[in-house]
Amino acid sequence: MSAQTPETLLKLIMLSSYDSIKYHEKLIEEWNKPQDMARQVAIIIKDIHSMYGRGAFAVLQMMKKNCTHPKKMRDLCNDGTLYCMSCNADLSEIEMQNNKTPTLIKEKIRNRRKIVKKYAKQKMSQRQIAKKLGCSLSTIEKDMLALRN
């Protein structure tokens, strides 16, 4: 089974809840007697799945942020994955659409680390290096940690 994103899983939960609700509504229509135990169980299952669907929808709405992923809020992980520091979204797919391959991103990390190493030898602080390169302090800290290893 391939790895699923949380959004995909929530959409699957919503879809399965919708299908179950429709199925149980059909059963409820077929069983006319309100006292019938099977009809009451079908109503309970339909209500529970309705709550699951509404809950999954609410979580999905909370996860969707109105972030535009500005360039100054983008950063690279040690493994070369591009992400947004504002909403923590994985931006590697966006970069793929912009015709940037992962090898180019890894090459960018290697080049930045060479520059960080050069500045570190000049006894510049991490904050100064971050300011000079125009990236976040956490990125420079990750680079310094990777250079030590």
N, C-alpha and C. Protein backbone atom coordinates (compact mmCIF):
# COMPACT_ATOMS: atom_id res chain seq x y z
N MET A 1 0.84 -1.18 0.00
CA MET A 1 0.00 0.00 0.00
C MET A 1 0.88 1.24 0.00
N SER A 2 0.59 2.18 -0.86
CA SER A 2 1.39 3.38 -0.94
C SER A 2 1.02 4.34 0.19
N ALA A 3 1.94 5.24 0.50
CA ALA A 3 1.70 6.22 1.56
C ALA A 3 0.64 7.21 1.09
N GLN A 4 -0.31 7.49 1.94
CA GLN A 4 -1.39 8.40 1.62
C GLN A 4 -1.21 9.69 2.40
N THR A 5 -1.59 10.80 1.78
CA THR A 5 -1.56 12.07 2.48
C THR A 5 -2.77 12.14 3.40
N PRO A 6 -2.69 12.95 4.46
CA PRO A 6 -3.86 13.09 5.35
C PRO A 6 -5.10 13.57 4.61
N GLU A 7 -4.91 14.46 3.62
CA GLU A 7 -6.05 14.96 2.87
C GLU A 7 -6.75 13.83 2.12
N THR A 8 -5.95 12.94 1.51
CA THR A 8 -6.52 11.82 0.76
C THR A 8 -7.28 10.89 1.68
N LEU A 9 -6.69 10.61 2.84
CA LEU A 9 -7.36 9.73 3.79
C LEU A 9 -8.67 10.32 4.28
N LEU A 10 -8.68 11.61 4.55
CA LEU A 10 -9.92 12.26 5.00
C LEU A 10 -10.98 12.23 3.91
N LYS A 11 -10.56 12.43 2.66
CA LYS A 11 -11.52 12.36 1.56
C LYS A 11 -12.09 10.95 1.41
N LEU A 12 -11.24 9.94 1.62
CA LEU A 12 -11.72 8.56 1.57
C LEU A 12 -12.72 8.28 2.69
N ILE A 13 -12.45 8.80 3.88
CA ILE A 13 -13.38 8.64 5.00
C ILE A 13 -14.72 9.29 4.67
N MET A 14 -14.67 10.50 4.10
CA MET A 14 -15.90 11.19 3.75
C MET A 14 -16.67 10.41 2.68
N LEU A 15 -15.97 9.87 1.69
CA LEU A 15 -16.63 9.12 0.63
C LEU A 15 -17.26 7.84 1.17
N SER A 16 -16.52 7.12 2.01
CA SER A 16 -17.08 5.88 2.56
C SER A 16 -18.26 6.19 3.48
N SER A 17 -18.19 7.29 4.22
CA SER A 17 -19.33 7.69 5.07
C SER A 17 -20.55 8.00 4.22
N TYR A 18 -20.32 8.72 3.13
CA TYR A 18 -21.44 9.07 2.23
C TYR A 18 -22.08 7.82 1.65
N ASP A 19 -21.23 6.88 1.20
CA ASP A 19 -21.76 5.63 0.65
C ASP A 19 -22.56 4.86 1.68
N SER A 20 -22.03 4.78 2.90
CA SER A 20 -22.72 4.06 3.97
C SER A 20 -24.05 4.73 4.32
N ILE A 21 -24.04 6.05 4.36
CA ILE A 21 -25.28 6.78 4.67
C ILE A 21 -26.35 6.48 3.61
N LYS A 22 -25.96 6.54 2.34
CA LYS A 22 -26.92 6.28 1.26
C LYS A 22 -27.45 4.85 1.33
N TYR A 23 -26.55 3.89 1.61
CA TYR A 23 -26.96 2.49 1.71
C TYR A 23 -27.96 2.30 2.85
N HIS A 24 -27.67 2.87 4.01
CA HIS A 24 -28.55 2.69 5.17
C HIS A 24 -29.85 3.46 5.02
N GLU A 25 -29.83 4.59 4.31
CA GLU A 25 -31.08 5.31 4.04
C GLU A 25 -32.00 4.44 3.17
N LYS A 26 -31.39 3.73 2.21
CA LYS A 26 -32.18 2.84 1.36
C LYS A 26 -32.78 1.70 2.19
N LEU A 27 -32.00 1.13 3.12
CA LEU A 27 -32.51 0.07 3.98
C LEU A 27 -33.65 0.58 4.87
N ILE A 28 -33.48 1.80 5.39
CA ILE A 28 -34.50 2.38 6.26
C ILE A 28 -35.80 2.56 5.50
N GLU A 29 -35.73 2.97 4.23
CA GLU A 29 -36.93 3.13 3.41
C GLU A 29 -37.61 1.78 3.17
N GLU A 30 -36.80 0.72 3.00
CA GLU A 30 -37.37 -0.61 2.73
C GLU A 30 -38.06 -1.20 3.96
N TRP A 31 -37.52 -0.91 5.14
CA TRP A 31 -38.12 -1.45 6.37
C TRP A 31 -39.09 -0.41 6.92
N ASN A 32 -40.38 -0.65 6.73
CA ASN A 32 -41.39 0.33 7.07
C ASN A 32 -41.76 0.37 8.55
N LYS A 33 -41.56 -0.73 9.25
CA LYS A 33 -41.99 -0.78 10.64
C LYS A 33 -41.02 -0.01 11.52
N PRO A 34 -41.49 1.06 12.20
CA PRO A 34 -40.59 1.83 13.05
C PRO A 34 -40.06 1.05 14.25
N GLN A 35 -40.78 -0.01 14.67
CA GLN A 35 -40.35 -0.79 15.83
C GLN A 35 -39.31 -1.85 15.46
N ASP A 36 -39.09 -2.08 14.18
CA ASP A 36 -38.17 -3.14 13.73
C ASP A 36 -36.75 -2.83 14.20
N MET A 37 -36.12 -3.81 14.86
CA MET A 37 -34.78 -3.65 15.41
C MET A 37 -33.74 -3.37 14.30
N ALA A 38 -33.86 -4.05 13.17
CA ALA A 38 -32.92 -3.85 12.06
C ALA A 38 -33.00 -2.41 11.54
N ARG A 39 -34.22 -1.87 11.49
CA ARG A 39 -34.39 -0.49 11.03
C ARG A 39 -33.74 0.49 12.01
N GLN A 40 -33.91 0.24 13.30
CA GLN A 40 -33.31 1.11 14.31
C GLN A 40 -31.78 1.05 14.25
N VAL A 41 -31.23 -0.16 14.04
CA VAL A 41 -29.79 -0.31 13.91
C VAL A 41 -29.29 0.44 12.67
N ALA A 42 -30.02 0.34 11.57
CA ALA A 42 -29.65 1.05 10.34
C ALA A 42 -29.65 2.56 10.56
N ILE A 43 -30.63 3.06 11.30
CA ILE A 43 -30.69 4.50 11.61
C ILE A 43 -29.48 4.91 12.45
N ILE A 44 -29.13 4.11 13.44
CA ILE A 44 -27.98 4.42 14.30
C ILE A 44 -26.69 4.42 13.48
N ILE A 45 -26.51 3.40 12.63
CA ILE A 45 -25.29 3.34 11.80
C ILE A 45 -25.22 4.53 10.86
N LYS A 46 -26.37 4.88 10.26
CA LYS A 46 -26.41 6.04 9.35
C LYS A 46 -26.01 7.31 10.11
N ASP A 47 -26.52 7.50 11.32
CA ASP A 47 -26.19 8.69 12.10
C ASP A 47 -24.71 8.72 12.49
N ILE A 48 -24.16 7.57 12.86
CA ILE A 48 -22.75 7.51 13.24
C ILE A 48 -21.87 7.85 12.04
N HIS A 49 -22.18 7.27 10.89
CA HIS A 49 -21.38 7.55 9.70
C HIS A 49 -21.53 9.00 9.25
N SER A 50 -22.68 9.56 9.50
CA SER A 50 -22.88 10.97 9.20
C SER A 50 -21.97 11.84 10.07
N MET A 51 -21.85 11.46 11.35
CA MET A 51 -20.94 12.20 12.25
C MET A 51 -19.50 12.04 11.80
N TYR A 52 -19.09 10.82 11.39
CA TYR A 52 -17.73 10.61 10.89
C TYR A 52 -17.45 11.49 9.68
N GLY A 53 -18.40 11.53 8.77
CA GLY A 53 -18.24 12.34 7.56
C GLY A 53 -18.11 13.82 7.88
N ARG A 54 -18.98 14.31 8.79
CA ARG A 54 -18.90 15.73 9.17
C ARG A 54 -17.59 16.03 9.89
N GLY A 55 -17.14 15.09 10.74
CA GLY A 55 -15.87 15.28 11.45
C GLY A 55 -14.69 15.30 10.49
N ALA A 56 -14.68 14.38 9.53
CA ALA A 56 -13.60 14.36 8.54
C ALA A 56 -13.60 15.63 7.71
N PHE A 57 -14.78 16.11 7.35
CA PHE A 57 -14.88 17.35 6.58
C PHE A 57 -14.36 18.54 7.39
N ALA A 58 -14.69 18.58 8.67
CA ALA A 58 -14.22 19.69 9.53
C ALA A 58 -12.70 19.67 9.65
N VAL A 59 -12.12 18.48 9.83
CA VAL A 59 -10.66 18.37 9.92
C VAL A 59 -10.01 18.79 8.60
N LEU A 60 -10.60 18.37 7.48
CA LEU A 60 -10.07 18.73 6.17
C LEU A 60 -10.10 20.24 5.98
N GLN A 61 -11.17 20.89 6.41
CA GLN A 61 -11.26 22.34 6.29
C GLN A 61 -10.22 23.05 7.16
N MET A 62 -9.94 22.48 8.35
CA MET A 62 -8.91 23.08 9.21
C MET A 62 -7.52 22.92 8.61
N MET A 63 -7.32 21.81 7.89
CA MET A 63 -6.01 21.56 7.30
C MET A 63 -5.74 22.46 6.11
N LYS A 64 -6.80 22.82 5.40
CA LYS A 64 -6.64 23.68 4.22
C LYS A 64 -6.46 25.11 4.69
N LYS A 65 -5.27 25.60 4.56
CA LYS A 65 -5.01 26.98 4.95
C LYS A 65 -4.92 27.83 3.69
N ASN A 66 -5.13 29.08 3.84
CA ASN A 66 -5.06 29.99 2.71
C ASN A 66 -3.64 30.52 2.54
N CYS A 67 -2.69 29.60 2.52
CA CYS A 67 -1.29 29.97 2.39
C CYS A 67 -0.90 29.99 0.92
N THR A 68 -0.21 31.04 0.50
CA THR A 68 0.24 31.14 -0.89
C THR A 68 1.68 30.68 -1.05
N HIS A 69 2.29 30.18 0.02
CA HIS A 69 3.67 29.70 0.03
C HIS A 69 4.63 30.73 -0.58
N PRO A 70 4.75 31.91 0.05
CA PRO A 70 5.65 32.93 -0.52
C PRO A 70 7.09 32.43 -0.55
N LYS A 71 7.86 32.93 -1.50
CA LYS A 71 9.25 32.49 -1.70
C LYS A 71 10.08 32.63 -0.42
N LYS A 72 9.87 33.71 0.34
CA LYS A 72 10.69 33.92 1.54
C LYS A 72 10.34 32.95 2.67
N MET A 73 9.20 32.24 2.54
CA MET A 73 8.81 31.27 3.56
C MET A 73 9.08 29.83 3.13
N ARG A 74 9.81 29.64 2.03
CA ARG A 74 10.15 28.29 1.56
C ARG A 74 11.51 27.90 2.09
N ASP A 75 11.63 26.63 2.41
CA ASP A 75 12.90 26.13 2.96
C ASP A 75 13.11 24.70 2.49
N LEU A 76 14.34 24.23 2.58
CA LEU A 76 14.67 22.88 2.18
C LEU A 76 15.06 22.05 3.39
N CYS A 77 14.56 20.83 3.45
CA CYS A 77 14.97 19.89 4.50
C CYS A 77 16.34 19.33 4.12
N ASN A 78 16.94 18.62 5.05
CA ASN A 78 18.23 18.00 4.77
C ASN A 78 18.18 17.02 3.62
N ASP A 79 17.04 16.37 3.43
CA ASP A 79 16.92 15.39 2.34
C ASP A 79 16.55 16.02 1.01
N GLY A 80 16.45 17.34 0.96
CA GLY A 80 16.16 18.03 -0.29
C GLY A 80 14.70 18.30 -0.53
N THR A 81 13.85 17.99 0.42
CA THR A 81 12.42 18.23 0.28
C THR A 81 12.12 19.70 0.53
N LEU A 82 11.42 20.30 -0.40
CA LEU A 82 11.04 21.70 -0.27
C LEU A 82 9.73 21.78 0.51
N TYR A 83 9.67 22.69 1.48
CA TYR A 83 8.44 22.84 2.25
C TYR A 83 8.20 24.31 2.59
N CYS A 84 6.96 24.62 2.95
CA CYS A 84 6.57 25.98 3.34
C CYS A 84 6.69 26.10 4.86
N MET A 85 7.45 27.08 5.33
CA MET A 85 7.62 27.26 6.77
C MET A 85 6.36 27.84 7.41
N SER A 86 5.49 28.44 6.61
CA SER A 86 4.27 29.04 7.14
C SER A 86 3.21 27.99 7.47
N CYS A 87 2.95 27.08 6.52
CA CYS A 87 1.89 26.10 6.74
C CYS A 87 2.42 24.67 6.79
N ASN A 88 3.72 24.50 6.64
CA ASN A 88 4.40 23.20 6.71
C ASN A 88 3.96 22.25 5.59
N ALA A 89 3.55 22.80 4.45
CA ALA A 89 3.12 21.97 3.32
C ALA A 89 4.33 21.51 2.52
N ASP A 90 4.24 20.31 1.96
CA ASP A 90 5.29 19.77 1.11
C ASP A 90 5.15 20.42 -0.26
N LEU A 91 6.20 21.14 -0.68
CA LEU A 91 6.14 21.88 -1.94
C LEU A 91 6.90 21.19 -3.06
N SER A 92 7.34 19.97 -2.84
CA SER A 92 8.13 19.29 -3.87
C SER A 92 7.31 19.06 -5.14
N GLU A 93 6.00 18.81 -5.00
CA GLU A 93 5.15 18.62 -6.17
C GLU A 93 5.02 19.92 -6.96
N ILE A 94 4.94 21.04 -6.26
CA ILE A 94 4.83 22.34 -6.92
C ILE A 94 6.11 22.60 -7.72
N GLU A 95 7.25 22.28 -7.14
CA GLU A 95 8.51 22.47 -7.84
C GLU A 95 8.61 21.57 -9.05
N MET A 96 8.06 20.34 -8.95
CA MET A 96 8.08 19.44 -10.10
C MET A 96 7.26 20.03 -11.25
N GLN A 97 6.15 20.69 -10.90
CA GLN A 97 5.33 21.32 -11.93
C GLN A 97 6.06 22.49 -12.57
N ASN A 98 6.96 23.10 -11.84
CA ASN A 98 7.74 24.22 -12.36
C ASN A 98 9.02 23.74 -13.05
N ASN A 99 9.07 22.46 -13.41
CA ASN A 99 10.19 21.84 -14.13
C ASN A 99 11.50 21.83 -13.36
N LYS A 100 11.44 21.80 -12.07
CA LYS A 100 12.65 21.66 -11.26
C LYS A 100 12.71 20.23 -10.77
N THR A 101 13.77 19.55 -11.08
CA THR A 101 13.90 18.16 -10.67
C THR A 101 14.51 18.09 -9.29
N PRO A 102 14.30 16.97 -8.58
CA PRO A 102 14.89 16.82 -7.26
C PRO A 102 16.42 16.93 -7.27
N THR A 103 17.04 16.51 -8.37
CA THR A 103 18.51 16.62 -8.43
C THR A 103 18.95 18.06 -8.43
N LEU A 104 18.17 18.93 -9.06
CA LEU A 104 18.51 20.36 -9.04
C LEU A 104 18.38 20.92 -7.63
N ILE A 105 17.36 20.46 -6.90
CA ILE A 105 17.16 20.92 -5.53
C ILE A 105 18.32 20.44 -4.65
N LYS A 106 18.71 19.18 -4.81
CA LYS A 106 19.84 18.66 -4.03
C LYS A 106 21.13 19.38 -4.39
N GLU A 107 21.28 19.72 -5.65
CA GLU A 107 22.47 20.48 -6.08
C GLU A 107 22.47 21.86 -5.42
N LYS A 108 21.29 22.45 -5.31
CA LYS A 108 21.16 23.75 -4.66
C LYS A 108 21.59 23.66 -3.19
N ILE A 109 21.20 22.57 -2.52
CA ILE A 109 21.60 22.36 -1.12
C ILE A 109 23.11 22.22 -1.03
N ARG A 110 23.70 21.41 -1.92
CA ARG A 110 25.15 21.21 -1.89
C ARG A 110 25.89 22.53 -2.08
N ASN A 111 25.43 23.33 -3.03
CA ASN A 111 26.09 24.62 -3.27
C ASN A 111 25.95 25.55 -2.07
N ARG A 112 24.74 25.57 -1.48
CA ARG A 112 24.54 26.42 -0.31
C ARG A 112 25.44 25.97 0.84
N ARG A 113 25.59 24.67 1.02
CA ARG A 113 26.43 24.16 2.11
C ARG A 113 27.90 24.49 1.89
N LYS A 114 28.33 24.51 0.63
CA LYS A 114 29.71 24.93 0.34
C LYS A 114 29.93 26.38 0.77
N ILE A 115 28.93 27.21 0.45
CA ILE A 115 29.03 28.63 0.82
C ILE A 115 28.99 28.78 2.34
N VAL A 116 28.11 28.02 3.01
CA VAL A 116 28.02 28.07 4.47
C VAL A 116 29.35 27.65 5.09
N LYS A 117 29.96 26.62 4.54
CA LYS A 117 31.24 26.14 5.05
C LYS A 117 32.31 27.21 4.89
N LYS A 118 32.29 27.89 3.75
CA LYS A 118 33.27 28.97 3.49
C LYS A 118 33.09 30.10 4.51
N TYR A 119 31.85 30.50 4.74
CA TYR A 119 31.58 31.58 5.69
C TYR A 119 31.89 31.14 7.13
N ALA A 120 31.63 29.87 7.44
CA ALA A 120 31.92 29.37 8.78
C ALA A 120 33.42 29.40 9.04
N LYS A 121 34.23 29.11 8.02
CA LYS A 121 35.69 29.18 8.16
C LYS A 121 36.15 30.62 8.39
N GLN A 122 35.37 31.58 7.91
CA GLN A 122 35.69 32.99 8.12
C GLN A 122 35.19 33.49 9.48
N LYS A 123 34.73 32.54 10.31
CA LYS A 123 34.27 32.82 11.68
C LYS A 123 33.02 33.71 11.72
N MET A 124 32.18 33.60 10.70
CA MET A 124 30.91 34.33 10.72
C MET A 124 29.91 33.55 11.56
N SER A 125 29.02 34.25 12.26
CA SER A 125 28.00 33.57 13.06
C SER A 125 26.92 33.01 12.13
N GLN A 126 26.14 32.09 12.65
CA GLN A 126 25.06 31.50 11.86
C GLN A 126 24.04 32.56 11.44
N ARG A 127 23.78 33.48 12.34
CA ARG A 127 22.83 34.55 12.04
C ARG A 127 23.34 35.43 10.89
N GLN A 128 24.64 35.74 10.90
CA GLN A 128 25.23 36.54 9.82
C GLN A 128 25.18 35.79 8.49
N ILE A 129 25.46 34.49 8.55
CA ILE A 129 25.42 33.68 7.32
C ILE A 129 24.01 33.64 6.76
N ALA A 130 23.03 33.45 7.64
CA ALA A 130 21.63 33.40 7.21
C ALA A 130 21.22 34.71 6.56
N LYS A 131 21.64 35.83 7.16
CA LYS A 131 21.30 37.14 6.63
C LYS A 131 21.98 37.35 5.27
N LYS A 132 23.22 36.93 5.17
CA LYS A 132 23.98 37.12 3.94
C LYS A 132 23.40 36.26 2.80
N LEU A 133 22.97 35.05 3.12
CA LEU A 133 22.42 34.15 2.09
C LEU A 133 20.93 34.37 1.85
N GLY A 134 20.28 35.09 2.76
CA GLY A 134 18.86 35.37 2.60
C GLY A 134 17.98 34.16 2.87
N CYS A 135 18.40 33.33 3.82
CA CYS A 135 17.57 32.18 4.18
C CYS A 135 17.39 32.17 5.70
N SER A 136 16.61 31.23 6.18
CA SER A 136 16.28 31.21 7.60
C SER A 136 17.46 30.69 8.44
N LEU A 137 17.45 31.07 9.69
CA LEU A 137 18.48 30.62 10.62
C LEU A 137 18.40 29.11 10.82
N SER A 138 17.19 28.57 10.81
CA SER A 138 17.04 27.12 10.97
C SER A 138 17.68 26.36 9.81
N THR A 139 17.63 26.94 8.61
CA THR A 139 18.27 26.30 7.45
C THR A 139 19.78 26.26 7.65
N ILE A 140 20.35 27.35 8.13
CA ILE A 140 21.80 27.40 8.35
C ILE A 140 22.18 26.43 9.46
N GLU A 141 21.34 26.35 10.51
CA GLU A 141 21.62 25.39 11.59
C GLU A 141 21.63 23.96 11.06
N LYS A 142 20.66 23.64 10.19
CA LYS A 142 20.63 22.30 9.59
C LYS A 142 21.87 22.06 8.74
N ASP A 143 22.27 23.07 7.98
CA ASP A 143 23.46 22.93 7.14
C ASP A 143 24.71 22.72 7.99
N MET A 144 24.83 23.48 9.06
CA MET A 144 26.00 23.34 9.94
C MET A 144 26.01 21.95 10.57
N LEU A 145 24.85 21.47 10.97
CA LEU A 145 24.76 20.14 11.55
C LEU A 145 25.15 19.07 10.52
N ALA A 146 24.69 19.24 9.30
CA ALA A 146 25.04 18.29 8.23
C ALA A 146 26.53 18.34 7.92
N LEU A 147 27.13 19.53 7.99
CA LEU A 147 28.56 19.65 7.72
C LEU A 147 29.41 19.02 8.82
N ARG A 148 28.89 19.03 10.05
CA ARG A 148 29.63 18.41 11.16
C ARG A 148 29.65 16.90 11.05
N ASN A 149 28.59 16.34 10.47
CA ASN A 149 28.48 14.87 10.35
C ASN A 149 29.26 14.32 9.19
